[in-house]
Amino acid sequence: MMEPSQIKNAILTVLDDAYIEILNPMGDGLHFDAVVVSSEFEGKSLIEQQRIVMESLTKLFGSSLHAMSLKTYTPDAWKKVKNATTD
């Protein structure tokens, strides 16, 4: 079983400025939802952004991480998402 903090720490090794939310909606330590916001994503496609995150998790996938829903944002895009949900 994996803890959300393990995922967060792995991502922070490559994106040290990241804001990260990790949820375990099923409570099983296998299925996670992640939101990662980083200035490192500026100028990169969504695929490139997600590749950066997923490469940081490669070692974890070999152990107990079963599935993860991943959303990545630049800081500006995240502000727009947050503003849209509060309107």
PDB file of N, CA and C in Angstrom:
ATOM      1  N   MET A   1       0.841  -1.178   0.000  1.00  0.00           N
ATOM      2  CA  MET A   1       0.000   0.000   0.000  1.00  0.00           C
ATOM      3  C   MET A   1       0.891   1.248   0.000  1.00  0.00           C
ATOM      4  N   MET A   2       0.484   2.245  -0.737  1.00  0.00           N
ATOM      5  CA  MET A   2       1.280   3.453  -0.878  1.00  0.00           C
ATOM      6  C   MET A   2       0.581   4.630  -0.202  1.00  0.00           C
ATOM      7  N   GLU A   3       1.381   5.541   0.303  1.00  0.00           N
ATOM      8  CA  GLU A   3       0.870   6.750   0.935  1.00  0.00           C
ATOM      9  C   GLU A   3       0.957   7.925  -0.042  1.00  0.00           C
ATOM     10  N   PRO A   4      -0.024   8.832  -0.018  1.00  0.00           N
ATOM     11  CA  PRO A   4       0.043  10.020  -0.874  1.00  0.00           C
ATOM     12  C   PRO A   4       1.345  10.805  -0.699  1.00  0.00           C
ATOM     13  N   SER A   5       1.886  10.820   0.505  1.00  0.00           N
ATOM     14  CA  SER A   5       3.131  11.561   0.746  1.00  0.00           C
ATOM     15  C   SER A   5       4.295  10.991  -0.059  1.00  0.00           C
ATOM     16  N   GLN A   6       4.296   9.685  -0.319  1.00  0.00           N
ATOM     17  CA  GLN A   6       5.352   9.081  -1.132  1.00  0.00           C
ATOM     18  C   GLN A   6       5.295   9.604  -2.566  1.00  0.00           C
ATOM     19  N   ILE A   7       4.093   9.723  -3.092  1.00  0.00           N
ATOM     20  CA  ILE A   7       3.914  10.236  -4.449  1.00  0.00           C
ATOM     21  C   ILE A   7       4.341  11.697  -4.499  1.00  0.00           C
ATOM     22  N   LYS A   8       3.879  12.464  -3.534  1.00  0.00           N
ATOM     23  CA  LYS A   8       4.223  13.887  -3.487  1.00  0.00           C
ATOM     24  C   LYS A   8       5.734  14.084  -3.412  1.00  0.00           C
ATOM     25  N   ASN A   9       6.403  13.342  -2.553  1.00  0.00           N
ATOM     26  CA  ASN A   9       7.853  13.474  -2.403  1.00  0.00           C
ATOM     27  C   ASN A   9       8.591  13.107  -3.684  1.00  0.00           C
ATOM     28  N   ALA A  10       8.119  12.091  -4.395  1.00  0.00           N
ATOM     29  CA  ALA A  10       8.757  11.693  -5.655  1.00  0.00           C
ATOM     30  C   ALA A  10       8.629  12.802  -6.690  1.00  0.00           C
ATOM     31  N   ILE A  11       7.463  13.426  -6.762  1.00  0.00           N
ATOM     32  CA  ILE A  11       7.253  14.517  -7.720  1.00  0.00           C
ATOM     33  C   ILE A  11       8.120  15.715  -7.357  1.00  0.00           C
ATOM     34  N   LEU A  12       8.214  16.011  -6.080  1.00  0.00           N
ATOM     35  CA  LEU A  12       9.016  17.157  -5.632  1.00  0.00           C
ATOM     36  C   LEU A  12      10.504  17.000  -5.936  1.00  0.00           C
ATOM     37  N   THR A  13      10.964  15.776  -6.160  1.00  0.00           N
ATOM     38  CA  THR A  13      12.376  15.590  -6.501  1.00  0.00           C
ATOM     39  C   THR A  13      12.701  16.172  -7.869  1.00  0.00           C
ATOM     40  N   VAL A  14      11.703  16.271  -8.750  1.00  0.00           N
ATOM     41  CA  VAL A  14      11.948  16.838 -10.086  1.00  0.00           C
ATOM     42  C   VAL A  14      11.276  18.192 -10.286  1.00  0.00           C
ATOM     43  N   LEU A  15      10.284  18.505  -9.474  1.00  0.00           N
ATOM     44  CA  LEU A  15       9.564  19.779  -9.571  1.00  0.00           C
ATOM     45  C   LEU A  15       9.521  20.415  -8.182  1.00  0.00           C
ATOM     46  N   ASP A  16      10.635  21.002  -7.775  1.00  0.00           N
ATOM     47  CA  ASP A  16      10.726  21.476  -6.394  1.00  0.00           C
ATOM     48  C   ASP A  16       9.843  22.679  -6.081  1.00  0.00           C
ATOM     49  N   ASP A  17       9.300  23.339  -7.113  1.00  0.00           N
ATOM     50  CA  ASP A  17       8.400  24.474  -6.873  1.00  0.00           C
ATOM     51  C   ASP A  17       6.926  24.073  -6.941  1.00  0.00           C
ATOM     52  N   ALA A  18       6.651  22.794  -7.086  1.00  0.00           N
ATOM     53  CA  ALA A  18       5.293  22.330  -7.376  1.00  0.00           C
ATOM     54  C   ALA A  18       4.334  22.459  -6.193  1.00  0.00           C
ATOM     55  N   TYR A  19       3.088  22.806  -6.549  1.00  0.00           N
ATOM     56  CA  TYR A  19       1.955  22.680  -5.634  1.00  0.00           C
ATOM     57  C   TYR A  19       1.320  21.353  -6.021  1.00  0.00           C
ATOM     58  N   ILE A  20       1.106  20.476  -5.067  1.00  0.00           N
ATOM     59  CA  ILE A  20       0.639  19.122  -5.368  1.00  0.00           C
ATOM     60  C   ILE A  20      -0.513  18.755  -4.449  1.00  0.00           C
ATOM     61  N   GLU A  21      -1.571  18.226  -5.049  1.00  0.00           N
ATOM     62  CA  GLU A  21      -2.685  17.638  -4.298  1.00  0.00           C
ATOM     63  C   GLU A  21      -2.755  16.172  -4.692  1.00  0.00           C
ATOM     64  N   ILE A  22      -2.743  15.292  -3.713  1.00  0.00           N
ATOM     65  CA  ILE A  22      -2.867  13.863  -3.976  1.00  0.00           C
ATOM     66  C   ILE A  22      -4.054  13.348  -3.166  1.00  0.00           C
ATOM     67  N   LEU A  23      -4.997  12.726  -3.840  1.00  0.00           N
ATOM     68  CA  LEU A  23      -6.155  12.124  -3.177  1.00  0.00           C
ATOM     69  C   LEU A  23      -6.149  10.621  -3.421  1.00  0.00           C
ATOM     70  N   ASN A  24      -6.671   9.883  -2.472  1.00  0.00           N
ATOM     71  CA  ASN A  24      -6.815   8.437  -2.582  1.00  0.00           C
ATOM     72  C   ASN A  24      -8.306   8.146  -2.450  1.00  0.00           C
ATOM     73  N   PRO A  25      -9.087   8.386  -3.532  1.00  0.00           N
ATOM     74  CA  PRO A  25     -10.549   8.354  -3.427  1.00  0.00           C
ATOM     75  C   PRO A  25     -11.136   7.016  -2.998  1.00  0.00           C
ATOM     76  N   MET A  26     -10.460   5.918  -3.285  1.00  0.00           N
ATOM     77  CA  MET A  26     -10.975   4.607  -2.897  1.00  0.00           C
ATOM     78  C   MET A  26     -10.446   4.162  -1.538  1.00  0.00           C
ATOM     79  N   GLY A  27      -9.464   4.903  -1.020  1.00  0.00           N
ATOM     80  CA  GLY A  27      -8.901   4.568   0.279  1.00  0.00           C
ATOM     81  C   GLY A  27      -8.120   3.266   0.304  1.00  0.00           C
ATOM     82  N   ASP A  28      -7.694   2.815  -0.879  1.00  0.00           N
ATOM     83  CA  ASP A  28      -7.016   1.525  -0.951  1.00  0.00           C
ATOM     84  C   ASP A  28      -5.504   1.608  -1.105  1.00  0.00           C
ATOM     85  N   GLY A  29      -4.960   2.831  -1.228  1.00  0.00           N
ATOM     86  CA  GLY A  29      -3.526   2.975  -1.403  1.00  0.00           C
ATOM     87  C   GLY A  29      -3.023   2.530  -2.757  1.00  0.00           C
ATOM     88  N   LEU A  30      -3.949   2.321  -3.701  1.00  0.00           N
ATOM     89  CA  LEU A  30      -3.585   1.869  -5.047  1.00  0.00           C
ATOM     90  C   LEU A  30      -4.046   2.821  -6.137  1.00  0.00           C
ATOM     91  N   HIS A  31      -5.138   3.519  -5.895  1.00  0.00           N
ATOM     92  CA  HIS A  31      -5.732   4.415  -6.893  1.00  0.00           C
ATOM     93  C   HIS A  31      -5.652   5.850  -6.376  1.00  0.00           C
ATOM     94  N   PHE A  32      -5.056   6.731  -7.189  1.00  0.00           N
ATOM     95  CA  PHE A  32      -4.848   8.101  -6.744  1.00  0.00           C
ATOM     96  C   PHE A  32      -5.286   9.101  -7.805  1.00  0.00           C
ATOM     97  N   ASP A  33      -5.696  10.271  -7.337  1.00  0.00           N
ATOM     98  CA  ASP A  33      -5.957  11.429  -8.193  1.00  0.00           C
ATOM     99  C   ASP A  33      -4.914  12.473  -7.809  1.00  0.00           C
ATOM    100  N   ALA A  34      -4.263  13.050  -8.814  1.00  0.00           N
ATOM    101  CA  ALA A  34      -3.216  14.030  -8.529  1.00  0.00           C
ATOM    102  C   ALA A  34      -3.410  15.290  -9.353  1.00  0.00           C
ATOM    103  N   VAL A  35      -3.158  16.416  -8.706  1.00  0.00           N
ATOM    104  CA  VAL A  35      -3.086  17.718  -9.374  1.00  0.00           C
ATOM    105  C   VAL A  35      -1.686  18.244  -9.093  1.00  0.00           C
ATOM    106  N   VAL A  36      -0.984  18.622 -10.163  1.00  0.00           N
ATOM    107  CA  VAL A  36       0.375  19.142 -10.022  1.00  0.00           C
ATOM    108  C   VAL A  36       0.454  20.477 -10.754  1.00  0.00           C
ATOM    109  N   VAL A  37       0.860  21.508 -10.030  1.00  0.00           N
ATOM    110  CA  VAL A  37       0.992  22.857 -10.589  1.00  0.00           C
ATOM    111  C   VAL A  37       2.459  23.263 -10.466  1.00  0.00           C
ATOM    112  N   SER A  38       3.060  23.660 -11.593  1.00  0.00           N
ATOM    113  CA  SER A  38       4.471  24.045 -11.553  1.00  0.00           C
ATOM    114  C   SER A  38       4.800  25.037 -12.659  1.00  0.00           C
ATOM    115  N   SER A  39       5.668  25.978 -12.348  1.00  0.00           N
ATOM    116  CA  SER A  39       6.146  26.912 -13.365  1.00  0.00           C
ATOM    117  C   SER A  39       7.024  26.193 -14.389  1.00  0.00           C
ATOM    118  N   GLU A  40       7.524  25.023 -14.043  1.00  0.00           N
ATOM    119  CA  GLU A  40       8.329  24.226 -14.978  1.00  0.00           C
ATOM    120  C   GLU A  40       7.510  23.770 -16.186  1.00  0.00           C
ATOM    121  N   PHE A  41       6.194  23.826 -16.085  1.00  0.00           N
ATOM    122  CA  PHE A  41       5.325  23.410 -17.186  1.00  0.00           C
ATOM    123  C   PHE A  41       5.138  24.499 -18.239  1.00  0.00           C
ATOM    124  N   GLU A  42       5.577  25.720 -17.945  1.00  0.00           N
ATOM    125  CA  GLU A  42       5.416  26.836 -18.888  1.00  0.00           C
ATOM    126  C   GLU A  42       6.031  26.472 -20.237  1.00  0.00           C
ATOM    127  N   GLY A  43       5.264  26.665 -21.314  1.00  0.00           N
ATOM    128  CA  GLY A  43       5.754  26.416 -22.663  1.00  0.00           C
ATOM    129  C   GLY A  43       5.780  24.953 -23.070  1.00  0.00           C
ATOM    130  N   LYS A  44       5.304  24.069 -22.201  1.00  0.00           N
ATOM    131  CA  LYS A  44       5.296  22.642 -22.511  1.00  0.00           C
ATOM    132  C   LYS A  44       3.870  22.180 -22.795  1.00  0.00           C
ATOM    133  N   SER A  45       3.739  21.192 -23.672  1.00  0.00           N
ATOM    134  CA  SER A  45       2.425  20.618 -23.958  1.00  0.00           C
ATOM    135  C   SER A  45       1.957  19.808 -22.746  1.00  0.00           C
ATOM    136  N   LEU A  46       0.663  19.482 -22.714  1.00  0.00           N
ATOM    137  CA  LEU A  46       0.141  18.661 -21.613  1.00  0.00           C
ATOM    138  C   LEU A  46       0.849  17.317 -21.550  1.00  0.00           C
ATOM    139  N   ILE A  47       1.142  16.747 -22.712  1.00  0.00           N
ATOM    140  CA  ILE A  47       1.844  15.458 -22.735  1.00  0.00           C
ATOM    141  C   ILE A  47       3.236  15.601 -22.117  1.00  0.00           C
ATOM    142  N   GLU A  48       3.935  16.667 -22.457  1.00  0.00           N
ATOM    143  CA  GLU A  48       5.264  16.898 -21.874  1.00  0.00           C
ATOM    144  C   GLU A  48       5.176  17.110 -20.366  1.00  0.00           C
ATOM    145  N   GLN A  49       4.168  17.846 -19.927  1.00  0.00           N
ATOM    146  CA  GLN A  49       3.976  18.083 -18.494  1.00  0.00           C
ATOM    147  C   GLN A  49       3.752  16.763 -17.767  1.00  0.00           C
ATOM    148  N   GLN A  50       2.860  15.949 -18.315  1.00  0.00           N
ATOM    149  CA  GLN A  50       2.545  14.683 -17.661  1.00  0.00           C
ATOM    150  C   GLN A  50       3.721  13.718 -17.710  1.00  0.00           C
ATOM    151  N   ARG A  51       4.497  13.771 -18.772  1.00  0.00           N
ATOM    152  CA  ARG A  51       5.684  12.918 -18.872  1.00  0.00           C
ATOM    153  C   ARG A  51       6.679  13.250 -17.753  1.00  0.00           C
ATOM    154  N   ILE A  52       6.865  14.528 -17.478  1.00  0.00           N
ATOM    155  CA  ILE A  52       7.772  14.936 -16.396  1.00  0.00           C
ATOM    156  C   ILE A  52       7.327  14.307 -15.075  1.00  0.00           C
ATOM    157  N   VAL A  53       6.037  14.401 -14.796  1.00  0.00           N
ATOM    158  CA  VAL A  53       5.512  13.851 -13.540  1.00  0.00           C
ATOM    159  C   VAL A  53       5.627  12.331 -13.531  1.00  0.00           C
ATOM    160  N   MET A  54       5.218  11.694 -14.610  1.00  0.00           N
ATOM    161  CA  MET A  54       5.212  10.231 -14.639  1.00  0.00           C
ATOM    162  C   MET A  54       6.623   9.651 -14.553  1.00  0.00           C
ATOM    163  N   GLU A  55       7.597  10.328 -15.144  1.00  0.00           N
ATOM    164  CA  GLU A  55       8.975   9.839 -15.037  1.00  0.00           C
ATOM    165  C   GLU A  55       9.462   9.872 -13.593  1.00  0.00           C
ATOM    166  N   SER A  56       8.977  10.829 -12.824  1.00  0.00           N
ATOM    167  CA  SER A  56       9.368  10.883 -11.408  1.00  0.00           C
ATOM    168  C   SER A  56       8.751   9.736 -10.611  1.00  0.00           C
ATOM    169  N   LEU A  57       7.701   9.134 -11.157  1.00  0.00           N
ATOM    170  CA  LEU A  57       6.994   8.061 -10.448  1.00  0.00           C
ATOM    171  C   LEU A  57       7.337   6.666 -10.958  1.00  0.00           C
ATOM    172  N   THR A  58       8.252   6.575 -11.900  1.00  0.00           N
ATOM    173  CA  THR A  58       8.579   5.289 -12.517  1.00  0.00           C
ATOM    174  C   THR A  58       8.928   4.225 -11.482  1.00  0.00           C
ATOM    175  N   LYS A  59       9.744   4.562 -10.514  1.00  0.00           N
ATOM    176  CA  LYS A  59      10.135   3.587  -9.497  1.00  0.00           C
ATOM    177  C   LYS A  59       8.929   3.155  -8.672  1.00  0.00           C
ATOM    178  N   LEU A  60       8.037   4.082  -8.391  1.00  0.00           N
ATOM    179  CA  LEU A  60       6.858   3.743  -7.587  1.00  0.00           C
ATOM    180  C   LEU A  60       5.895   2.839  -8.339  1.00  0.00           C
ATOM    181  N   PHE A  61       5.759   3.052  -9.640  1.00  0.00           N
ATOM    182  CA  PHE A  61       4.847   2.212 -10.405  1.00  0.00           C
ATOM    183  C   PHE A  61       5.264   0.752 -10.347  1.00  0.00           C
ATOM    184  N   GLY A  62       6.547   0.505 -10.228  1.00  0.00           N
ATOM    185  CA  GLY A  62       7.022  -0.866 -10.137  1.00  0.00           C
ATOM    186  C   GLY A  62       6.668  -1.517  -8.817  1.00  0.00           C
ATOM    187  N   SER A  63       6.302  -0.714  -7.818  1.00  0.00           N
ATOM    188  CA  SER A  63       5.975  -1.291  -6.522  1.00  0.00           C
ATOM    189  C   SER A  63       4.471  -1.435  -6.355  1.00  0.00           C
ATOM    190  N   SER A  64       3.814  -0.437  -5.784  1.00  0.00           N
ATOM    191  CA  SER A  64       2.406  -0.652  -5.444  1.00  0.00           C
ATOM    192  C   SER A  64       1.429   0.371  -6.004  1.00  0.00           C
ATOM    193  N   LEU A  65       1.894   1.327  -6.797  1.00  0.00           N
ATOM    194  CA  LEU A  65       0.977   2.303  -7.381  1.00  0.00           C
ATOM    195  C   LEU A  65       0.261   1.654  -8.551  1.00  0.00           C
ATOM    196  N   HIS A  66      -1.042   1.526  -8.452  1.00  0.00           N
ATOM    197  CA  HIS A  66      -1.809   0.804  -9.459  1.00  0.00           C
ATOM    198  C   HIS A  66      -2.354   1.735 -10.539  1.00  0.00           C
ATOM    199  N   ALA A  67      -2.970   2.830 -10.144  1.00  0.00           N
ATOM    200  CA  ALA A  67      -3.581   3.735 -11.122  1.00  0.00           C
ATOM    201  C   ALA A  67      -3.579   5.157 -10.579  1.00  0.00           C
ATOM    202  N   MET A  68      -3.383   6.110 -11.506  1.00  0.00           N
ATOM    203  CA  MET A  68      -3.404   7.504 -11.083  1.00  0.00           C
ATOM    204  C   MET A  68      -4.015   8.368 -12.174  1.00  0.00           C
ATOM    205  N   SER A  69      -4.977   9.179 -11.775  1.00  0.00           N
ATOM    206  CA  SER A  69      -5.531  10.215 -12.636  1.00  0.00           C
ATOM    207  C   SER A  69      -4.676  11.450 -12.399  1.00  0.00           C
ATOM    208  N   LEU A  70      -4.131  12.030 -13.472  1.00  0.00           N
ATOM    209  CA  LEU A  70      -3.182  13.124 -13.335  1.00  0.00           C
ATOM    210  C   LEU A  70      -3.644  14.346 -14.109  1.00  0.00           C
ATOM    211  N   LYS A  71      -3.664  15.484 -13.423  1.00  0.00           N
ATOM    212  CA  LYS A  71      -3.946  16.769 -14.062  1.00  0.00           C
ATOM    213  C   LYS A  71      -2.778  17.691 -13.758  1.00  0.00           C
ATOM    214  N   THR A  72      -2.235  18.306 -14.818  1.00  0.00           N
ATOM    215  CA  THR A  72      -1.101  19.211 -14.650  1.00  0.00           C
ATOM    216  C   THR A  72      -1.479  20.600 -15.141  1.00  0.00           C
ATOM    217  N   TYR A  73      -0.939  21.609 -14.456  1.00  0.00           N
ATOM    218  CA  TYR A  73      -1.254  23.001 -14.785  1.00  0.00           C
ATOM    219  C   TYR A  73      -0.030  23.890 -14.587  1.00  0.00           C
ATOM    220  N   THR A  74       0.036  24.942 -15.385  1.00  0.00           N
ATOM    221  CA  THR A  74       0.954  26.037 -15.086  1.00  0.00           C
ATOM    222  C   THR A  74       0.278  26.865 -13.990  1.00  0.00           C
ATOM    223  N   PRO A  75       1.015  27.716 -13.297  1.00  0.00           N
ATOM    224  CA  PRO A  75       0.375  28.547 -12.269  1.00  0.00           C
ATOM    225  C   PRO A  75      -0.775  29.403 -12.816  1.00  0.00           C
ATOM    226  N   ASP A  76      -0.614  29.985 -14.008  1.00  0.00           N
ATOM    227  CA  ASP A  76      -1.691  30.804 -14.587  1.00  0.00           C
ATOM    228  C   ASP A  76      -2.918  29.966 -14.914  1.00  0.00           C
ATOM    229  N   ALA A  77      -2.707  28.793 -15.486  1.00  0.00           N
ATOM    230  CA  ALA A  77      -3.836  27.913 -15.816  1.00  0.00           C
ATOM    231  C   ALA A  77      -4.548  27.465 -14.543  1.00  0.00           C
ATOM    232  N   TRP A  78      -3.795  27.197 -13.478  1.00  0.00           N
ATOM    233  CA  TRP A  78      -4.384  26.782 -12.205  1.00  0.00           C
ATOM    234  C   TRP A  78      -5.253  27.890 -11.616  1.00  0.00           C
ATOM    235  N   LYS A  79      -4.783  29.136 -11.710  1.00  0.00           N
ATOM    236  CA  LYS A  79      -5.583  30.263 -11.224  1.00  0.00           C
ATOM    237  C   LYS A  79      -6.916  30.334 -11.950  1.00  0.00           C
ATOM    238  N   LYS A  80      -6.893  30.112 -13.257  1.00  0.00           N
ATOM    239  CA  LYS A  80      -8.131  30.139 -14.041  1.00  0.00           C
ATOM    240  C   LYS A  80      -9.073  29.023 -13.618  1.00  0.00           C
ATOM    241  N   VAL A  81      -8.541  27.847 -13.382  1.00  0.00           N
ATOM    242  CA  VAL A  81      -9.363  26.717 -12.934  1.00  0.00           C
ATOM    243  C   VAL A  81      -9.972  27.026 -11.574  1.00  0.00           C
ATOM    244  N   LYS A  82      -9.167  27.522 -10.662  1.00  0.00           N
ATOM    245  CA  LYS A  82      -9.662  27.833  -9.319  1.00  0.00           C
ATOM    246  C   LYS A  82     -10.711  28.945  -9.355  1.00  0.00           C
ATOM    247  N   ASN A  83     -10.498  29.964 -10.190  1.00  0.00           N
ATOM    248  CA  ASN A  83     -11.470  31.052 -10.309  1.00  0.00           C
ATOM    249  C   ASN A  83     -12.772  30.561 -10.921  1.00  0.00           C
ATOM    250  N   ALA A  84     -12.693  29.647 -11.861  1.00  0.00           N
ATOM    251  CA  ALA A  84     -13.895  29.110 -12.507  1.00  0.00           C
ATOM    252  C   ALA A  84     -14.731  28.298 -11.524  1.00  0.00           C
ATOM    253  N   THR A  85     -14.089  27.631 -10.574  1.00  0.00           N
ATOM    254  CA  THR A  85     -14.833  26.815  -9.616  1.00  0.00           C
ATOM    255  C   THR A  85     -15.423  27.637  -8.483  1.00  0.00           C
ATOM    256  N   THR A  86     -14.935  28.864  -8.295  1.00  0.00           N
ATOM    257  CA  THR A  86     -15.471  29.701  -7.218  1.00  0.00           C
ATOM    258  C   THR A  86     -16.541  30.663  -7.710  1.00  0.00           C
ATOM    259  N   ASP A  87     -16.716  30.759  -9.025  1.00  0.00           N
ATOM    260  CA  ASP A  87     -17.743  31.663  -9.575  1.00  0.00           C
ATOM    261  C   ASP A  87     -19.119  31.045  -9.518  1.00  0.00           C
TER     262      ASP A  87
END
